[in-house]
Amino acid sequence: MTLNDTAPVALVTGGSSGLGRELVLSLAGRGWTVVTDGRRAERLAELADPGIVTVPGDLTDADHRAALRRELQGLGRLDLLVHNAGTLGPSPLPRLETVTVDQLQQVWRPNIGAPLVLTGELLPLLVASGGILMAVTSDAAVEHYPGWGLYGASKAALEHVVLIYAAENPGLTAYAVDPGDLRTEMHQAAFPGEDISDRPLPETAVPHLLALVDRRPPSGRYRAAEVDLTPAEPVR
């Protein structure tokens, strides 16, 4: 694989499907070098592009995170870190009083534990590039829906973590981005047996995420649909 030594570099976790996959493809189409991962190696293998580096694995595994770190150290920079990977948890969604310790760990390890630790491991590269830290979050982080307590609490914690990283590192910009309801596998799992074909496809949210990267407003929480799409000079 031949990579562009002068291209900006992104790590997008969970790039094998849904919003993560569309974001990976869009960044690569802009000339970025994109490192991405996922637990389904066969899905990652479909991302055939000279600017995409795929690393199959589970973010909760320390050896996998080390493999991601080695890839990025080899590239010599990190301009954008997107925490997209995560899990919904039990389906159908449970009421809080039924949540077990095992279910808590099942959701919080990938949704908050792995992003917190991975960001710390990659922080020197990200700060050196004056980079952007982005977390894909949910309205469930700030709204209170029956059944969404476990997942929503994990997303609220993720938002807090990425924005604290920016507060502690002034050269870093951080965004917690709510993409809205999208037609994804995870969203379907939240509504088993229901028709979610009225939800927008994941690619509809990508221009709004890229607009944050291009325009670089102050760190904070953003709803994707409200991000200004007025053209700005892309980061090259």
C-alpha atoms as a PDB file:
ATOM      1  CA  MET A   1       0.000   0.000   0.000  1.00  0.00           C
ATOM      2  CA  THR A   2       1.333   3.421  -0.932  1.00  0.00           C
ATOM      3  CA  LEU A   3       0.329   6.231   1.398  1.00  0.00           C
ATOM      4  CA  ASN A   4       0.675   9.976   0.940  1.00  0.00           C
ATOM      5  CA  ASP A   5       3.352  11.191   3.368  1.00  0.00           C
ATOM      6  CA  THR A   6       1.939  14.727   3.336  1.00  0.00           C
ATOM      7  CA  ALA A   7      -1.733  13.822   3.829  1.00  0.00           C
ATOM      8  CA  PRO A   8      -3.531  14.561   7.095  1.00  0.00           C
ATOM      9  CA  VAL A   9      -4.155  11.421   9.143  1.00  0.00           C
ATOM     10  CA  ALA A  10      -7.370  10.297  10.850  1.00  0.00           C
ATOM     11  CA  LEU A  11      -8.275   7.382  13.071  1.00  0.00           C
ATOM     12  CA  VAL A  12     -11.974   6.521  12.850  1.00  0.00           C
ATOM     13  CA  THR A  13     -12.971   3.682  15.152  1.00  0.00           C
ATOM     14  CA  GLY A  14     -15.733   1.328  14.089  1.00  0.00           C
ATOM     15  CA  GLY A  15     -15.308   1.870  10.354  1.00  0.00           C
ATOM     16  CA  SER A  16     -16.748  -1.423   9.147  1.00  0.00           C
ATOM     17  CA  SER A  17     -20.337  -0.208   8.831  1.00  0.00           C
ATOM     18  CA  GLY A  18     -22.803   2.620   9.285  1.00  0.00           C
ATOM     19  CA  LEU A  19     -21.700   6.177   9.920  1.00  0.00           C
ATOM     20  CA  GLY A  20     -18.098   5.164  10.591  1.00  0.00           C
ATOM     21  CA  ARG A  21     -17.762   3.496   7.209  1.00  0.00           C
ATOM     22  CA  GLU A  22     -19.220   6.486   5.357  1.00  0.00           C
ATOM     23  CA  LEU A  23     -16.937   8.882   7.213  1.00  0.00           C
ATOM     24  CA  VAL A  24     -13.863   6.764   6.426  1.00  0.00           C
ATOM     25  CA  LEU A  25     -14.715   6.692   2.727  1.00  0.00           C
ATOM     26  CA  SER A  26     -15.407  10.428   2.621  1.00  0.00           C
ATOM     27  CA  LEU A  27     -12.137  11.339   4.335  1.00  0.00           C
ATOM     28  CA  ALA A  28     -10.178   9.019   2.037  1.00  0.00           C
ATOM     29  CA  GLY A  29     -11.937  10.616  -0.928  1.00  0.00           C
ATOM     30  CA  ARG A  30     -10.630  13.986   0.258  1.00  0.00           C
ATOM     31  CA  GLY A  31      -7.055  12.711   0.247  1.00  0.00           C
ATOM     32  CA  TRP A  32      -6.721  11.868   3.931  1.00  0.00           C
ATOM     33  CA  THR A  33      -4.912   8.782   5.165  1.00  0.00           C
ATOM     34  CA  VAL A  34      -7.441   6.976   7.351  1.00  0.00           C
ATOM     35  CA  VAL A  35      -6.752   4.256   9.883  1.00  0.00           C
ATOM     36  CA  THR A  36      -9.876   2.393  10.943  1.00  0.00           C
ATOM     37  CA  ASP A  37     -10.821  -0.704  12.861  1.00  0.00           C
ATOM     38  CA  GLY A  38     -13.721  -3.015  13.622  1.00  0.00           C
ATOM     39  CA  ARG A  39     -14.467  -6.442  14.986  1.00  0.00           C
ATOM     40  CA  ARG A  40     -15.698  -7.779  11.637  1.00  0.00           C
ATOM     41  CA  ALA A  41     -12.579  -8.303   9.557  1.00  0.00           C
ATOM     42  CA  GLU A  42     -14.556  -9.320   6.461  1.00  0.00           C
ATOM     43  CA  ARG A  43     -16.435  -6.011   6.472  1.00  0.00           C
ATOM     44  CA  LEU A  44     -13.227  -4.035   6.911  1.00  0.00           C
ATOM     45  CA  ALA A  45     -11.690  -5.875   3.969  1.00  0.00           C
ATOM     46  CA  GLU A  46     -14.340  -4.306   1.729  1.00  0.00           C
ATOM     47  CA  LEU A  47     -12.772  -0.873   2.314  1.00  0.00           C
ATOM     48  CA  ALA A  48     -10.386  -1.200  -0.610  1.00  0.00           C
ATOM     49  CA  ASP A  49      -8.733   2.181  -0.996  1.00  0.00           C
ATOM     50  CA  PRO A  50      -5.042   3.130  -1.155  1.00  0.00           C
ATOM     51  CA  GLY A  51      -5.580   5.737   1.556  1.00  0.00           C
ATOM     52  CA  ILE A  52      -7.281   3.434   4.080  1.00  0.00           C
ATOM     53  CA  VAL A  53      -5.436   1.269   6.615  1.00  0.00           C
ATOM     54  CA  THR A  54      -7.633  -1.371   8.272  1.00  0.00           C
ATOM     55  CA  VAL A  55      -6.799  -2.982  11.620  1.00  0.00           C
ATOM     56  CA  PRO A  56      -9.342  -5.634  12.667  1.00  0.00           C
ATOM     57  CA  GLY A  57      -9.896  -5.985  16.380  1.00  0.00           C
ATOM     58  CA  ASP A  58     -11.731  -4.966  19.545  1.00  0.00           C
ATOM     59  CA  LEU A  59     -10.971  -1.598  21.150  1.00  0.00           C
ATOM     60  CA  THR A  60     -11.367  -3.049  24.623  1.00  0.00           C
ATOM     61  CA  ASP A  61      -8.307  -5.243  23.923  1.00  0.00           C
ATOM     62  CA  ALA A  62      -4.981  -3.636  24.898  1.00  0.00           C
ATOM     63  CA  ASP A  63      -3.063  -5.463  22.156  1.00  0.00           C
ATOM     64  CA  HIS A  64      -5.434  -4.095  19.529  1.00  0.00           C
ATOM     65  CA  ARG A  65      -5.055  -0.539  20.818  1.00  0.00           C
ATOM     66  CA  ALA A  66      -1.289  -1.032  20.701  1.00  0.00           C
ATOM     67  CA  ALA A  67      -1.569  -2.109  17.060  1.00  0.00           C
ATOM     68  CA  LEU A  68      -3.492   1.069  16.242  1.00  0.00           C
ATOM     69  CA  ARG A  69      -0.872   3.133  18.032  1.00  0.00           C
ATOM     70  CA  ARG A  70       1.938   1.491  16.051  1.00  0.00           C
ATOM     71  CA  GLU A  71       0.174   2.252  12.758  1.00  0.00           C
ATOM     72  CA  LEU A  72      -0.194   5.908  13.671  1.00  0.00           C
ATOM     73  CA  GLN A  73       3.346   6.222  14.990  1.00  0.00           C
ATOM     74  CA  GLY A  74       4.512   4.819  11.662  1.00  0.00           C
ATOM     75  CA  LEU A  75       2.525   7.509   9.867  1.00  0.00           C
ATOM     76  CA  GLY A  76       4.064  10.105  12.161  1.00  0.00           C
ATOM     77  CA  ARG A  77       0.973  12.181  12.927  1.00  0.00           C
ATOM     78  CA  LEU A  78      -2.673  12.196  13.949  1.00  0.00           C
ATOM     79  CA  ASP A  79      -4.894  15.102  12.923  1.00  0.00           C
ATOM     80  CA  LEU A  80      -8.332  13.673  13.703  1.00  0.00           C
ATOM     81  CA  LEU A  81      -9.451  11.016  16.177  1.00  0.00           C
ATOM     82  CA  VAL A  82     -13.095   9.985  15.866  1.00  0.00           C
ATOM     83  CA  HIS A  83     -14.621   7.780  18.550  1.00  0.00           C
ATOM     84  CA  ASN A  84     -17.397   6.169  16.532  1.00  0.00           C
ATOM     85  CA  ALA A  85     -17.231   2.534  17.695  1.00  0.00           C
ATOM     86  CA  GLY A  86     -19.627   1.519  20.426  1.00  0.00           C
ATOM     87  CA  THR A  87     -22.400  -0.798  21.433  1.00  0.00           C
ATOM     88  CA  LEU A  88     -26.079  -0.360  22.165  1.00  0.00           C
ATOM     89  CA  GLY A  89     -26.019  -3.088  24.798  1.00  0.00           C
ATOM     90  CA  PRO A  90     -28.917  -5.436  25.526  1.00  0.00           C
ATOM     91  CA  SER A  91     -31.773  -5.513  23.036  1.00  0.00           C
ATOM     92  CA  PRO A  92     -34.655  -4.987  23.726  1.00  0.00           C
ATOM     93  CA  LEU A  93     -33.465  -2.002  25.768  1.00  0.00           C
ATOM     94  CA  PRO A  94     -33.712  -2.709  29.521  1.00  0.00           C
ATOM     95  CA  ARG A  95     -35.184  -0.622  32.305  1.00  0.00           C
ATOM     96  CA  LEU A  96     -32.483   0.561  34.683  1.00  0.00           C
ATOM     97  CA  GLU A  97     -33.599  -1.567  37.620  1.00  0.00           C
ATOM     98  CA  THR A  98     -32.986  -4.706  35.561  1.00  0.00           C
ATOM     99  CA  VAL A  99     -29.442  -3.797  34.480  1.00  0.00           C
ATOM    100  CA  THR A 100     -26.802  -6.220  35.731  1.00  0.00           C
ATOM    101  CA  VAL A 101     -23.121  -5.598  36.443  1.00  0.00           C
ATOM    102  CA  ASP A 102     -22.242  -7.702  33.406  1.00  0.00           C
ATOM    103  CA  GLN A 103     -24.480  -5.552  31.181  1.00  0.00           C
ATOM    104  CA  LEU A 104     -22.956  -2.400  32.643  1.00  0.00           C
ATOM    105  CA  GLN A 105     -19.474  -3.622  31.727  1.00  0.00           C
ATOM    106  CA  GLN A 106     -20.687  -4.757  28.294  1.00  0.00           C
ATOM    107  CA  VAL A 107     -21.733  -1.190  27.456  1.00  0.00           C
ATOM    108  CA  TRP A 108     -19.306   0.971  29.402  1.00  0.00           C
ATOM    109  CA  ARG A 109     -16.066  -0.785  28.423  1.00  0.00           C
ATOM    110  CA  PRO A 110     -16.413  -0.089  24.666  1.00  0.00           C
ATOM    111  CA  ASN A 111     -18.431   3.132  24.943  1.00  0.00           C
ATOM    112  CA  ILE A 112     -16.369   5.010  27.523  1.00  0.00           C
ATOM    113  CA  GLY A 113     -13.494   2.913  28.879  1.00  0.00           C
ATOM    114  CA  ALA A 114     -11.800   2.194  25.548  1.00  0.00           C
ATOM    115  CA  PRO A 115     -12.192   5.754  24.158  1.00  0.00           C
ATOM    116  CA  LEU A 116     -10.864   7.284  27.376  1.00  0.00           C
ATOM    117  CA  VAL A 117      -7.776   5.059  27.413  1.00  0.00           C
ATOM    118  CA  LEU A 118      -7.154   5.168  23.651  1.00  0.00           C
ATOM    119  CA  THR A 119      -7.251   8.972  23.633  1.00  0.00           C
ATOM    120  CA  GLY A 120      -4.671   9.056  26.401  1.00  0.00           C
ATOM    121  CA  GLU A 121      -2.444   6.653  24.508  1.00  0.00           C
ATOM    122  CA  LEU A 122      -2.632   8.751  21.332  1.00  0.00           C
ATOM    123  CA  LEU A 123      -2.639  12.167  23.012  1.00  0.00           C
ATOM    124  CA  PRO A 124       0.993  13.081  22.225  1.00  0.00           C
ATOM    125  CA  LEU A 125       0.426  12.549  18.481  1.00  0.00           C
ATOM    126  CA  LEU A 126      -2.905  14.382  18.512  1.00  0.00           C
ATOM    127  CA  VAL A 127      -1.602  17.363  20.501  1.00  0.00           C
ATOM    128  CA  ALA A 128       1.548  17.599  18.353  1.00  0.00           C
ATOM    129  CA  SER A 129      -0.705  18.011  15.287  1.00  0.00           C
ATOM    130  CA  GLY A 130      -3.028  20.472  17.013  1.00  0.00           C
ATOM    131  CA  GLY A 131      -5.650  17.888  16.194  1.00  0.00           C
ATOM    132  CA  ILE A 132      -9.383  17.353  16.564  1.00  0.00           C
ATOM    133  CA  LEU A 133     -10.959  14.849  18.950  1.00  0.00           C
ATOM    134  CA  MET A 134     -14.507  13.895  17.965  1.00  0.00           C
ATOM    135  CA  ALA A 135     -17.016  11.618  19.668  1.00  0.00           C
ATOM    136  CA  VAL A 136     -20.156  10.366  17.951  1.00  0.00           C
ATOM    137  CA  THR A 137     -22.800  10.669  20.622  1.00  0.00           C
ATOM    138  CA  SER A 138     -26.601  10.592  20.894  1.00  0.00           C
ATOM    139  CA  ASP A 139     -29.540  12.663  22.038  1.00  0.00           C
ATOM    140  CA  ALA A 140     -29.932   9.934  24.674  1.00  0.00           C
ATOM    141  CA  ALA A 141     -26.925  11.538  26.401  1.00  0.00           C
ATOM    142  CA  VAL A 142     -29.010  14.598  27.291  1.00  0.00           C
ATOM    143  CA  GLU A 143     -32.632  13.401  26.975  1.00  0.00           C
ATOM    144  CA  HIS A 144     -34.293  10.827  29.202  1.00  0.00           C
ATOM    145  CA  TYR A 145     -36.008   8.008  27.337  1.00  0.00           C
ATOM    146  CA  PRO A 146     -37.287   4.867  29.080  1.00  0.00           C
ATOM    147  CA  GLY A 147     -34.977   1.969  28.292  1.00  0.00           C
ATOM    148  CA  TRP A 148     -32.121   4.169  27.101  1.00  0.00           C
ATOM    149  CA  GLY A 149     -30.588   4.822  30.519  1.00  0.00           C
ATOM    150  CA  LEU A 150     -27.595   2.488  30.270  1.00  0.00           C
ATOM    151  CA  TYR A 151     -26.613   3.523  26.743  1.00  0.00           C
ATOM    152  CA  GLY A 152     -27.426   7.190  27.319  1.00  0.00           C
ATOM    153  CA  ALA A 153     -25.336   7.354  30.481  1.00  0.00           C
ATOM    154  CA  SER A 154     -22.361   5.902  28.598  1.00  0.00           C
ATOM    155  CA  LYS A 155     -22.717   8.556  25.889  1.00  0.00           C
ATOM    156  CA  ALA A 156     -23.050  11.333  28.474  1.00  0.00           C
ATOM    157  CA  ALA A 157     -19.810  10.107  30.042  1.00  0.00           C
ATOM    158  CA  LEU A 158     -18.113   9.981  26.629  1.00  0.00           C
ATOM    159  CA  GLU A 159     -19.120  13.582  25.911  1.00  0.00           C
ATOM    160  CA  HIS A 160     -17.693  14.652  29.250  1.00  0.00           C
ATOM    161  CA  VAL A 161     -14.423  12.824  28.658  1.00  0.00           C
ATOM    162  CA  VAL A 162     -13.679  14.255  25.201  1.00  0.00           C
ATOM    163  CA  LEU A 163     -14.513  17.800  26.267  1.00  0.00           C
ATOM    164  CA  ILE A 164     -12.370  17.483  29.398  1.00  0.00           C
ATOM    165  CA  TYR A 165      -9.488  16.329  27.194  1.00  0.00           C
ATOM    166  CA  ALA A 166      -9.816  19.622  25.299  1.00  0.00           C
ATOM    167  CA  ALA A 167     -10.047  21.615  28.535  1.00  0.00           C
ATOM    168  CA  GLU A 168      -6.848  19.981  29.765  1.00  0.00           C
ATOM    169  CA  ASN A 169      -5.023  20.370  26.442  1.00  0.00           C
ATOM    170  CA  PRO A 170      -5.526  23.874  24.999  1.00  0.00           C
ATOM    171  CA  GLY A 171      -4.018  22.927  21.613  1.00  0.00           C
ATOM    172  CA  LEU A 172      -6.729  20.312  21.120  1.00  0.00           C
ATOM    173  CA  THR A 173     -10.257  20.896  19.802  1.00  0.00           C
ATOM    174  CA  ALA A 174     -12.991  18.436  20.824  1.00  0.00           C
ATOM    175  CA  TYR A 175     -16.510  17.857  19.562  1.00  0.00           C
ATOM    176  CA  ALA A 176     -19.292  15.667  20.874  1.00  0.00           C
ATOM    177  CA  VAL A 177     -21.543  15.279  17.833  1.00  0.00           C
ATOM    178  CA  ASP A 178     -25.098  13.964  17.892  1.00  0.00           C
ATOM    179  CA  PRO A 179     -25.733  12.685  14.340  1.00  0.00           C
ATOM    180  CA  GLY A 180     -29.461  12.205  14.892  1.00  0.00           C
ATOM    181  CA  ASP A 181     -31.489   9.057  14.214  1.00  0.00           C
ATOM    182  CA  LEU A 182     -29.945   7.164  11.324  1.00  0.00           C
ATOM    183  CA  ARG A 183     -30.775   3.969   9.474  1.00  0.00           C
ATOM    184  CA  THR A 184     -28.051   1.770  10.988  1.00  0.00           C
ATOM    185  CA  GLU A 185     -27.743  -1.728  12.412  1.00  0.00           C
ATOM    186  CA  MET A 186     -27.457  -0.324  15.916  1.00  0.00           C
ATOM    187  CA  HIS A 187     -30.574   1.780  15.560  1.00  0.00           C
ATOM    188  CA  GLN A 188     -32.455  -1.218  14.202  1.00  0.00           C
ATOM    189  CA  ALA A 189     -31.356  -3.252  17.232  1.00  0.00           C
ATOM    190  CA  ALA A 190     -32.893  -0.597  19.467  1.00  0.00           C
ATOM    191  CA  PHE A 191     -36.250  -1.155  17.763  1.00  0.00           C
ATOM    192  CA  PRO A 192     -36.362  -4.900  17.023  1.00  0.00           C
ATOM    193  CA  GLY A 193     -39.018  -5.846  14.514  1.00  0.00           C
ATOM    194  CA  GLU A 194     -39.895  -2.230  13.688  1.00  0.00           C
ATOM    195  CA  ASP A 195     -39.540  -0.549  10.313  1.00  0.00           C
ATOM    196  CA  ILE A 196     -36.908   2.212  10.532  1.00  0.00           C
ATOM    197  CA  SER A 197     -36.722   2.880   6.800  1.00  0.00           C
ATOM    198  CA  ASP A 198     -37.958   6.432   7.419  1.00  0.00           C
ATOM    199  CA  ARG A 199     -34.650   7.316   9.130  1.00  0.00           C
ATOM    200  CA  PRO A 200     -31.974   9.046   7.033  1.00  0.00           C
ATOM    201  CA  LEU A 201     -29.060   6.984   5.745  1.00  0.00           C
ATOM    202  CA  PRO A 202     -25.716   7.402   7.584  1.00  0.00           C
ATOM    203  CA  GLU A 203     -24.072   9.245   4.697  1.00  0.00           C
ATOM    204  CA  THR A 204     -26.462  12.172   5.185  1.00  0.00           C
ATOM    205  CA  ALA A 205     -24.724  13.060   8.463  1.00  0.00           C
ATOM    206  CA  VAL A 206     -21.172  12.941   7.078  1.00  0.00           C
ATOM    207  CA  PRO A 207     -21.118  16.443   5.477  1.00  0.00           C
ATOM    208  CA  HIS A 208     -22.019  17.947   8.855  1.00  0.00           C
ATOM    209  CA  LEU A 209     -19.176  16.118  10.601  1.00  0.00           C
ATOM    210  CA  LEU A 210     -16.740  17.212   7.902  1.00  0.00           C
ATOM    211  CA  ALA A 211     -17.975  20.793   8.222  1.00  0.00           C
ATOM    212  CA  LEU A 212     -16.836  20.773  11.849  1.00  0.00           C
ATOM    213  CA  VAL A 213     -13.413  19.573  10.727  1.00  0.00           C
ATOM    214  CA  ASP A 214     -13.226  22.243   8.004  1.00  0.00           C
ATOM    215  CA  ARG A 215     -14.591  25.183   9.984  1.00  0.00           C
ATOM    216  CA  ARG A 216     -13.213  24.191  13.398  1.00  0.00           C
ATOM    217  CA  PRO A 217     -15.617  26.047  15.697  1.00  0.00           C
ATOM    218  CA  PRO A 218     -14.947  26.084  19.462  1.00  0.00           C
ATOM    219  CA  SER A 219     -14.950  22.802  21.378  1.00  0.00           C
ATOM    220  CA  GLY A 220     -18.399  21.721  22.507  1.00  0.00           C
ATOM    221  CA  ARG A 221     -21.485  19.624  21.904  1.00  0.00           C
ATOM    222  CA  TYR A 222     -23.100  19.907  18.465  1.00  0.00           C
ATOM    223  CA  ARG A 223     -26.148  18.461  16.759  1.00  0.00           C
ATOM    224  CA  ALA A 224     -25.064  17.434  13.280  1.00  0.00           C
ATOM    225  CA  ALA A 225     -28.200  18.783  11.623  1.00  0.00           C
ATOM    226  CA  GLU A 226     -27.463  22.258  13.012  1.00  0.00           C
ATOM    227  CA  VAL A 227     -23.850  22.439  11.788  1.00  0.00           C
ATOM    228  CA  ASP A 228     -23.472  25.086   9.072  1.00  0.00           C
ATOM    229  CA  LEU A 229     -22.688  23.535   5.675  1.00  0.00           C
ATOM    230  CA  THR A 230     -21.556  26.799   4.103  1.00  0.00           C
ATOM    231  CA  PRO A 231     -18.376  25.859   2.209  1.00  0.00           C
ATOM    232  CA  ALA A 232     -15.111  26.438   4.027  1.00  0.00           C
ATOM    233  CA  GLU A 233     -11.547  25.770   3.006  1.00  0.00           C
ATOM    234  CA  PRO A 234     -10.919  22.072   3.722  1.00  0.00           C
ATOM    235  CA  VAL A 235      -8.040  20.972   5.931  1.00  0.00           C
ATOM    236  CA  ARG A 236      -5.281  19.641   3.652  1.00  0.00           C
END
